[in-house]
Amino acid sequence: MSDTVEVGRFGRITLPKDLRNRHGIREKTRIIIRERGDQIILIPVASYDNPTDALYASVKFTTPVDDPKAEARRLIRDRLREE
């Protein structure tokens, strides 16, 4: 699929409605922006009604931590940066 959009004031773009619908993008959806060569890649970030449930068992700790939620967020953020 290929669509053309125009960059507006302040560098904003509007994604076509069918594209937003197919990828579940709605207002306040977070999007990762990556560069690969001369391309710009937009990756929608999955959102959950209860983010704690989405993280359950996704990170294994070898030693106890004071704030497991903060540590899980940090590890997932690091993993996303590596990709």
Protein backbone atom coordinates (compact mmCIF):
# COMPACT_ATOMS: atom_id res chain seq x y z
CA MET A 1 0.00 0.00 0.00
CA SER A 2 1.23 3.48 -0.77
CA ASP A 3 -0.35 6.77 0.23
CA THR A 4 0.94 10.29 -0.03
CA VAL A 5 0.43 12.82 2.74
CA GLU A 6 1.51 16.40 3.04
CA VAL A 7 3.63 17.72 5.86
CA GLY A 8 1.78 20.59 7.50
CA ARG A 9 2.62 23.35 9.87
CA PHE A 10 5.01 22.34 12.66
CA GLY A 11 5.95 19.16 10.72
CA ARG A 12 2.64 17.43 11.38
CA ILE A 13 1.22 14.74 9.12
CA THR A 14 -2.23 13.14 9.08
CA LEU A 15 -2.34 9.40 8.54
CA PRO A 16 -5.16 8.21 6.25
CA LYS A 17 -8.21 6.93 8.13
CA ASP A 18 -8.12 3.41 6.67
CA LEU A 19 -4.48 3.08 7.73
CA ARG A 20 -5.27 4.28 11.26
CA ASN A 21 -8.18 1.86 11.50
CA ARG A 22 -6.15 -1.13 10.26
CA HIS A 23 -3.41 -0.51 12.83
CA GLY A 24 -5.60 0.58 15.73
CA ILE A 25 -4.17 4.09 15.79
CA ARG A 26 -6.38 6.62 17.53
CA GLU A 27 -5.92 9.88 19.40
CA LYS A 28 -3.07 9.69 21.94
CA THR A 29 -1.65 6.48 20.41
CA ARG A 30 2.12 6.49 20.88
CA ILE A 31 4.23 5.83 17.80
CA ILE A 32 7.90 4.86 17.65
CA ILE A 33 9.80 6.70 14.90
CA ARG A 34 12.82 4.95 13.39
CA GLU A 35 15.18 5.73 10.58
CA ARG A 36 16.51 3.05 8.27
CA GLY A 37 18.76 4.45 5.58
CA ASP A 38 16.75 7.15 3.85
CA GLN A 39 13.40 5.86 5.17
CA ILE A 40 11.31 6.99 8.13
CA ILE A 41 9.41 4.14 9.80
CA LEU A 42 6.39 4.67 12.08
CA ILE A 43 5.59 1.85 14.52
CA PRO A 44 2.40 2.07 16.62
CA VAL A 45 2.92 1.10 20.24
CA ALA A 46 0.42 -1.40 21.59
CA SER A 47 -1.64 -0.04 24.46
CA TYR A 48 -3.50 -1.99 27.11
CA ASP A 49 -6.42 -1.15 29.36
CA ASN A 50 -4.38 -2.50 32.25
CA PRO A 51 -0.64 -2.19 31.44
CA THR A 52 0.34 -4.22 34.51
CA ASP A 53 -1.45 -7.26 33.07
CA ALA A 54 0.44 -6.85 29.80
CA LEU A 55 3.77 -6.88 31.65
CA TYR A 56 2.96 -9.91 33.80
CA ALA A 57 5.72 -12.52 33.43
CA SER A 58 7.35 -10.62 30.56
CA VAL A 59 10.48 -9.90 32.58
CA LYS A 60 12.32 -12.39 34.81
CA PHE A 61 14.30 -11.04 37.75
CA THR A 62 17.18 -13.00 39.27
CA THR A 63 17.31 -10.87 42.42
CA PRO A 64 14.58 -8.99 44.29
CA VAL A 65 13.96 -5.38 43.21
CA ASP A 66 12.39 -2.51 45.14
CA ASP A 67 10.07 -1.33 42.35
CA PRO A 68 9.32 -4.18 39.92
CA LYS A 69 7.04 -2.04 37.71
CA ALA A 70 9.73 0.61 37.19
CA GLU A 71 12.35 -2.05 36.52
CA ALA A 72 10.08 -3.83 34.01
CA ARG A 73 9.41 -0.53 32.22
CA ARG A 74 13.15 0.18 32.04
CA LEU A 75 13.95 -3.28 30.65
CA ILE A 76 11.20 -3.09 28.03
CA ARG A 77 12.28 0.44 27.02
CA ASP A 78 15.86 -0.86 26.62
CA ARG A 79 14.63 -3.83 24.57
CA LEU A 80 12.66 -1.52 22.24
CA ARG A 81 15.72 0.69 21.73
CA GLU A 82 17.81 -2.35 20.76
CA GLU A 83 15.30 -3.33 18.07
